[in-house]
Protein backbone atom coordinates (compact mmCIF):
# COMPACT_ATOMS: atom_id res chain seq x y z
CA VAL A 1 -10.87 1.29 -1.89
CA PHE A 2 -13.31 3.62 -3.61
CA ARG A 3 -14.75 4.42 -7.01
CA THR A 4 -13.47 7.66 -8.61
CA ARG A 5 -15.53 10.06 -10.67
CA HIS A 6 -13.51 8.84 -13.68
CA GLY A 7 -15.07 5.37 -13.34
CA SER A 8 -11.91 3.69 -12.12
CA THR A 9 -11.23 2.18 -8.72
CA ALA A 10 -8.74 3.78 -6.35
CA VAL A 11 -6.85 1.51 -3.96
CA VAL A 12 -4.91 3.18 -1.16
CA LEU A 13 -2.94 2.07 1.89
CA GLY A 14 -0.90 4.41 4.03
CA ASP A 15 1.03 4.21 7.26
CA VAL A 16 1.81 7.28 9.33
CA CYS A 17 4.73 7.74 11.68
CA GLY A 18 3.76 7.71 15.33
CA LYS A 19 0.70 6.85 17.33
CA GLY A 20 -2.15 8.60 19.08
CA LEU A 21 -3.92 11.82 18.17
CA PRO A 22 -1.09 13.41 16.12
CA ALA A 23 -0.84 10.30 13.91
CA ALA A 24 -4.63 10.10 13.59
CA LEU A 25 -4.79 13.74 12.51
CA LEU A 26 -2.07 13.18 9.92
CA MET A 27 -3.91 10.14 8.56
CA GLY A 28 -7.14 12.17 8.40
CA LEU A 29 -5.37 14.90 6.44
CA LEU A 30 -3.84 12.33 4.10
CA HIS A 31 -7.13 10.47 3.65
CA GLY A 32 -8.99 13.62 2.65
CA ALA A 33 -6.21 14.77 0.33
CA VAL A 34 -6.04 11.39 -1.44
CA ARG A 35 -9.82 11.32 -1.96
CA LEU A 36 -9.83 14.86 -3.33
CA SER A 37 -6.81 14.25 -5.54
CA SER A 38 -8.25 11.00 -6.92
CA ASP A 39 -11.41 12.73 -8.02
CA SER A 40 -9.92 15.96 -9.29
CA SER A 41 -6.67 14.95 -10.97
CA ASP A 42 -5.90 12.94 -14.06
CA PRO A 43 -5.99 9.24 -13.09
CA CYS A 44 -3.22 8.66 -15.63
CA ASP A 45 -0.85 10.88 -13.64
CA LEU A 46 -0.67 9.64 -10.07
CA ALA A 47 2.91 10.90 -9.85
CA ALA A 48 1.69 14.52 -9.99
CA GLY A 49 -0.91 13.79 -7.32
CA THR A 50 1.75 12.22 -5.13
CA ARG A 51 4.02 15.23 -5.53
CA ALA A 52 1.10 17.43 -4.41
CA LEU A 53 0.46 15.18 -1.39
CA ASN A 54 4.13 15.36 -0.47
CA GLU A 55 4.12 19.16 -0.66
CA LEU A 56 0.98 19.31 1.47
CA LEU A 57 2.54 17.16 4.18
CA CYS A 58 5.84 19.07 4.02
CA VAL A 59 3.97 22.33 4.62
CA ARG A 60 1.37 21.09 7.14
CA THR A 61 3.38 18.75 9.34
CA SER A 62 6.64 18.73 11.25
CA ARG A 63 9.63 16.78 9.91
CA GLU A 64 9.11 13.96 12.38
CA ARG A 65 5.61 13.38 11.01
CA PHE A 66 5.66 11.54 7.71
CA ALA A 67 3.74 8.80 5.96
CA SER A 68 4.32 5.96 3.57
CA LEU A 69 1.64 5.54 0.95
CA PHE A 70 0.74 3.17 -1.83
CA TRP A 71 -2.03 4.30 -4.09
CA ALA A 72 -3.26 2.91 -7.34
CA ASP A 73 -5.87 3.55 -9.96
CA TYR A 74 -7.37 0.46 -11.57
CA ASP A 75 -9.31 0.68 -14.82
CA PRO A 76 -11.52 -2.44 -14.98
CA ALA A 77 -12.20 -1.97 -18.71
CA THR A 78 -8.50 -2.25 -19.63
CA ARG A 79 -7.26 -4.10 -16.49
CA LEU A 80 -4.51 -1.49 -16.24
CA LEU A 81 -3.21 -0.73 -12.76
CA ARG A 82 -1.38 2.58 -12.44
CA TYR A 83 0.34 3.14 -9.11
CA VAL A 84 2.81 5.12 -7.05
CA ASN A 85 4.60 3.66 -4.06
CA ALA A 86 5.75 6.45 -1.74
CA GLY A 87 8.03 4.53 0.60
CA HIS A 88 5.49 1.84 1.51
CA LEU A 89 6.20 -1.88 1.62
CA PRO A 90 5.84 -3.03 -1.99
CA PRO A 91 2.47 -4.62 -2.66
CA LEU A 92 2.58 -7.93 -4.47
CA VAL A 93 0.87 -9.10 -7.62
CA VAL A 94 0.86 -12.87 -7.49
CA ARG A 95 0.40 -14.58 -10.84
CA GLY A 96 0.58 -18.33 -10.53
CA SER A 97 4.04 -19.14 -9.21
CA GLN A 98 5.40 -15.64 -9.95
CA ALA A 99 5.22 -12.57 -7.73
CA PHE A 100 5.78 -8.99 -8.85
CA ARG A 101 6.68 -6.26 -6.37
CA LEU A 102 5.09 -2.87 -7.01
CA GLU A 103 8.04 -0.68 -6.04
CA THR A 104 7.96 2.23 -8.49
CA GLY A 105 7.41 5.56 -6.77
CA GLY A 106 9.67 7.48 -4.46
CA LEU A 107 10.34 8.55 -0.88
CA VAL A 108 7.91 8.63 2.02
CA LEU A 109 5.66 11.68 2.08
CA GLY A 110 6.34 14.78 4.14
CA ILE A 111 10.11 14.79 4.51
CA ILE A 112 11.68 16.35 1.41
CA PRO A 113 9.92 19.22 -0.38
CA GLY A 114 10.09 18.85 -4.14
CA ALA A 115 10.73 15.09 -4.02
CA ALA A 116 10.24 13.30 -7.33
CA TYR A 117 7.78 10.42 -7.76
CA ASP A 118 7.47 7.99 -10.63
CA GLN A 119 4.38 6.12 -11.68
CA GLY A 120 4.36 2.41 -12.37
CA GLU A 121 1.91 0.49 -14.52
CA MET A 122 1.00 -3.16 -14.66
CA GLN A 123 -1.41 -4.99 -16.90
CA LEU A 124 -3.35 -7.33 -14.62
CA GLN A 125 -4.53 -10.76 -15.73
CA PRO A 126 -7.88 -12.31 -14.71
CA ASP A 127 -6.38 -14.63 -12.06
CA ASP A 128 -3.86 -12.16 -10.60
CA VAL A 129 -4.01 -11.52 -6.86
CA LEU A 130 -3.07 -8.04 -5.64
CA VAL A 131 -1.91 -8.04 -2.02
CA ILE A 132 -1.40 -4.67 -0.33
CA TYR A 133 -0.19 -4.93 3.25
CA SER A 134 1.54 -3.03 6.01
CA ASP A 135 4.43 -3.84 8.31
CA GLY A 136 1.92 -5.36 10.74
CA VAL A 137 2.03 -8.43 8.49
CA THR A 138 5.77 -8.75 7.89
CA GLU A 139 7.35 -7.43 11.11
CA PRO A 140 5.81 -9.59 13.86
CA ALA A 141 8.50 -11.85 15.25
CA ASN A 142 8.41 -15.34 16.66
CA PRO A 143 9.83 -16.10 20.14
CA ALA A 144 13.30 -16.51 18.56
CA GLY A 145 13.13 -12.93 17.23
CA GLU A 146 12.76 -13.92 13.57
CA GLU A 147 10.30 -11.72 11.60
CA PHE A 148 7.43 -13.21 9.59
CA GLY A 149 8.75 -11.44 6.48
CA GLU A 150 7.75 -11.18 2.85
CA ALA A 151 9.02 -14.67 1.93
CA ARG A 152 6.56 -16.33 4.34
CA LEU A 153 3.78 -14.13 3.03
CA LEU A 154 4.57 -15.23 -0.53
CA THR A 155 4.65 -18.88 0.50
CA LEU A 156 1.21 -18.44 2.02
CA LEU A 157 -0.20 -16.65 -1.04
CA GLN A 158 1.01 -18.75 -3.94
CA PRO A 159 -1.14 -21.84 -3.38
CA HIS A 160 -4.22 -19.59 -3.33
CA CYS A 161 -3.87 -17.87 -6.69
CA PRO A 162 -6.17 -20.10 -8.75
CA ARG A 163 -9.07 -19.84 -6.28
CA PRO A 164 -11.14 -17.01 -4.81
CA VAL A 165 -9.26 -14.75 -2.45
CA SER A 166 -12.04 -13.95 0.02
CA ASP A 167 -10.44 -16.12 2.73
CA LEU A 168 -6.92 -14.70 2.32
CA PRO A 169 -7.15 -11.86 4.89
CA ARG A 170 -8.25 -14.26 7.62
CA GLU A 171 -5.61 -16.82 6.60
CA ILE A 172 -2.84 -14.20 6.60
CA VAL A 173 -3.80 -12.95 10.07
CA GLN A 174 -4.00 -16.52 11.35
CA ALA A 175 -0.57 -17.40 9.89
CA VAL A 176 1.07 -14.29 11.40
CA THR A 177 -0.58 -14.89 14.78
CA THR A 178 0.48 -18.54 14.82
CA PHE A 179 4.04 -17.59 13.80
CA ALA A 180 4.37 -14.91 16.49
CA GLY A 181 3.18 -17.27 19.22
CA PRO A 182 2.29 -15.80 22.59
CA GLN A 183 3.94 -12.45 21.88
CA PRO A 184 1.55 -9.54 21.27
CA LEU A 185 1.37 -8.32 17.68
CA PRO A 186 2.56 -4.74 17.03
């Protein structure tokens, strides 16, 4: 999360394929490119920035190195959230008893040169809760092999919407840890 030179707030979460030094280098490349793109491009056209990120990864990485990415630009004056979801788990906007999945976007980055990306927009309301997460929240399994999943995450989130969200990260981690039991989390 960072402030752009346009006065908006950028919100980004990515997940790279693999582990270790190669994955860390890819994330570093992606992190720098997102920061640069957020400051230099038109915040109203995240799709163009995402296409540029995809081309960069296609040129600079091997085919087995790719990344999912959700990035958004939030204008606090208008409460407009513009976003692109490049193959990442869809973030959730929880509004009372409703939940909206932020799915608009395209494929993961770094696999198909010239891939198309669409930009989504959502007008946020004062009590909306935006939850951006990775598979480390939804994929941990209990001893029976059942994954925590998005449905359990939504059940956990909905009672919290009318109150401050500062405790939600701790509560989510606690719920996933309790669900998984003695098994190590991924």
